[in-house]
Amino acid sequence: MRRRRQWPVIPLLLVCAAGLLIYGAFHLFSPSSPKEAVQKFYRMEQNGNFGDAWELFHPLMKDRFAKNAYVTERSHIYMSHYGVSTFTFEIEKQKKVRRWRMAKGAPVFNEARLVQVRQTFKSKFGTFDVRQNVYAVKEKGDWKIVWEFE
């Protein structure tokens, strides 16, 4: 009697499971909503991790700020000018915005999410708040951070 050659079922299942785990882990660390993207960005900055926060910028923002310059200037503003090592932040409101652009002459985003953020700093000059409109836009399926410029 002739034996039929069988597919290697167990190795095939292991390869599929590994692929699903890698895919899931990649998407686990990318924000799934505009609010999550903004929260992740500010949590990183709150912890002094300006380099990883920069990674959440949309490519247009990355063109505007070189990573090294951004990290240096942003940390300098907080630590030297404000005299603080960290801050708290709160998401105050969100809304959908259509046909928005970050600056005059910049490309139009058909859909963006406006997320208003309030940062509270307790500094040597007292306690003060900074409110900023932050925009989240989709780039290759992931939510990315964009600021508005004049």
Protein backbone atom coordinates (compact mmCIF):
# COMPACT_ATOMS: atom_id res chain seq x y z
CA MET A 1 0.00 0.00 0.00
CA ARG A 2 1.28 3.39 -0.95
CA ARG A 3 1.43 6.15 1.70
CA ARG A 4 0.25 9.58 0.77
CA ARG A 5 2.53 12.44 1.53
CA GLN A 6 0.99 14.69 4.21
CA TRP A 7 1.40 18.41 4.57
CA PRO A 8 3.43 19.43 7.59
CA VAL A 9 0.40 20.72 9.52
CA ILE A 10 2.08 21.68 12.78
CA PRO A 11 4.89 23.79 11.25
CA LEU A 12 2.35 25.49 8.99
CA LEU A 13 0.15 26.35 11.99
CA LEU A 14 3.16 27.69 13.90
CA VAL A 15 4.16 29.96 11.00
CA CYS A 16 0.58 31.30 10.74
CA ALA A 17 0.38 31.89 14.50
CA ALA A 18 3.73 33.73 14.49
CA GLY A 19 2.55 35.91 11.61
CA LEU A 20 -0.64 36.80 13.46
CA LEU A 21 1.31 37.63 16.63
CA ILE A 22 3.69 39.92 14.76
CA TYR A 23 0.80 41.64 12.98
CA GLY A 24 -1.11 42.02 16.25
CA ALA A 25 1.91 43.37 18.13
CA PHE A 26 2.59 45.94 15.41
CA HIS A 27 -0.99 47.20 15.52
CA LEU A 28 -1.13 47.00 19.30
CA PHE A 29 1.50 49.73 19.55
CA SER A 30 0.02 52.02 16.92
CA PRO A 31 -2.81 54.23 18.13
CA SER A 32 -6.24 53.10 16.95
CA SER A 33 -8.03 56.42 17.43
CA PRO A 34 -7.20 60.12 17.16
CA LYS A 35 -7.56 60.56 20.91
CA GLU A 36 -5.20 57.64 21.59
CA ALA A 37 -2.60 59.10 19.20
CA VAL A 38 -2.70 62.47 20.95
CA GLN A 39 -2.62 60.88 24.40
CA LYS A 40 0.35 58.72 23.42
CA PHE A 41 2.17 61.76 22.03
CA TYR A 42 1.71 63.81 25.21
CA ARG A 43 2.46 60.87 27.54
CA MET A 44 5.80 60.46 25.76
CA GLU A 45 6.56 64.17 26.07
CA GLN A 46 5.40 64.10 29.69
CA ASN A 47 8.07 61.44 30.32
CA GLY A 48 10.73 63.44 28.46
CA ASN A 49 10.68 61.00 25.54
CA PHE A 50 10.60 63.67 22.81
CA GLY A 51 12.27 61.45 20.20
CA ASP A 52 9.53 58.80 20.27
CA ALA A 53 6.88 61.53 20.41
CA TRP A 54 8.38 62.97 17.19
CA GLU A 55 7.87 59.55 15.56
CA LEU A 56 4.09 60.08 15.90
CA PHE A 57 4.23 63.16 13.67
CA HIS A 58 2.80 63.09 10.17
CA PRO A 59 5.55 63.22 7.48
CA LEU A 60 4.70 66.90 6.83
CA MET A 61 5.51 67.66 10.47
CA LYS A 62 8.72 65.64 10.25
CA ASP A 63 9.68 67.77 7.25
CA ARG A 64 9.05 70.88 9.32
CA PHE A 65 11.08 69.71 12.35
CA ALA A 66 14.23 67.64 12.10
CA LYS A 67 14.18 65.06 14.88
CA ASN A 68 17.35 66.24 16.65
CA ALA A 69 16.28 69.88 16.51
CA TYR A 70 12.79 69.04 17.78
CA VAL A 71 14.09 66.98 20.71
CA THR A 72 16.60 69.65 21.70
CA GLU A 73 14.24 72.62 21.39
CA ARG A 74 11.21 70.96 22.97
CA SER A 75 13.13 69.74 26.02
CA HIS A 76 14.88 73.12 26.29
CA ILE A 77 11.53 74.94 26.34
CA TYR A 78 10.16 72.76 29.13
CA MET A 79 13.23 72.49 31.30
CA SER A 80 15.09 75.73 30.75
CA HIS A 81 12.41 78.26 29.91
CA TYR A 82 9.53 76.89 31.97
CA GLY A 83 11.71 75.45 34.72
CA VAL A 84 9.76 72.18 34.88
CA SER A 85 10.62 68.55 34.34
CA THR A 86 7.10 67.38 33.48
CA PHE A 87 3.47 68.48 33.14
CA THR A 88 -0.04 67.12 33.27
CA PHE A 89 -2.39 67.21 30.33
CA GLU A 90 -6.06 66.79 29.60
CA ILE A 91 -8.02 66.22 26.40
CA GLU A 92 -10.70 68.91 26.51
CA LYS A 93 -12.67 68.33 23.32
CA GLN A 94 -12.63 66.59 19.97
CA LYS A 95 -14.39 67.12 16.69
CA LYS A 96 -14.22 65.98 13.09
CA VAL A 97 -12.91 68.54 10.60
CA ARG A 98 -13.24 68.27 6.82
CA ARG A 99 -10.93 69.71 4.18
CA TRP A 100 -8.35 70.98 6.67
CA ARG A 101 -4.76 72.04 6.00
CA MET A 102 -1.94 72.63 8.47
CA ALA A 103 -0.72 75.82 6.79
CA LYS A 104 -1.48 78.05 3.85
CA GLY A 105 -0.35 76.28 0.69
CA ALA A 106 -0.04 72.89 2.41
CA PRO A 107 -1.91 69.83 1.11
CA VAL A 108 -5.54 69.45 2.18
CA PHE A 109 -6.52 66.59 4.48
CA ASN A 110 -10.01 65.47 3.52
CA GLU A 111 -10.68 64.43 7.08
CA ALA A 112 -8.91 65.33 10.31
CA ARG A 113 -9.76 65.21 13.99
CA LEU A 114 -9.29 68.33 16.05
CA VAL A 115 -8.26 67.43 19.60
CA GLN A 116 -7.91 70.31 22.05
CA VAL A 117 -5.24 69.65 24.68
CA ARG A 118 -4.60 71.55 27.89
CA GLN A 119 -1.16 71.17 29.44
CA THR A 120 -0.65 72.32 33.02
CA PHE A 121 2.84 73.32 34.11
CA LYS A 122 3.88 73.90 37.71
CA SER A 123 6.98 76.00 37.31
CA LYS A 124 9.22 78.33 39.24
CA PHE A 125 7.02 81.10 37.78
CA GLY A 126 3.81 79.58 39.11
CA THR A 127 1.20 77.27 37.65
CA PHE A 128 0.02 77.95 34.12
CA ASP A 129 -1.89 76.22 31.33
CA VAL A 130 -1.15 75.98 27.63
CA ARG A 131 -4.01 75.05 25.32
CA GLN A 132 -3.23 73.75 21.87
CA ASN A 133 -5.34 72.50 19.01
CA VAL A 134 -3.77 69.27 17.84
CA TYR A 135 -4.93 67.50 14.70
CA ALA A 136 -4.81 63.78 14.03
CA VAL A 137 -4.88 62.56 10.44
CA LYS A 138 -4.61 59.11 8.91
CA GLU A 139 -1.35 58.24 7.18
CA LYS A 140 -1.08 54.72 5.76
CA GLY A 141 -3.76 53.52 8.19
CA ASP A 142 -2.22 55.04 11.33
CA TRP A 143 -3.23 58.21 13.17
CA LYS A 144 -0.49 60.83 13.04
CA ILE A 145 -0.07 64.19 14.77
CA VAL A 146 -0.21 67.54 12.93
CA TRP A 147 -0.18 71.08 14.26
CA GLU A 148 -1.63 74.18 12.63
CA PHE A 149 0.69 76.93 11.39
CA GLU A 150 0.03 80.32 9.85
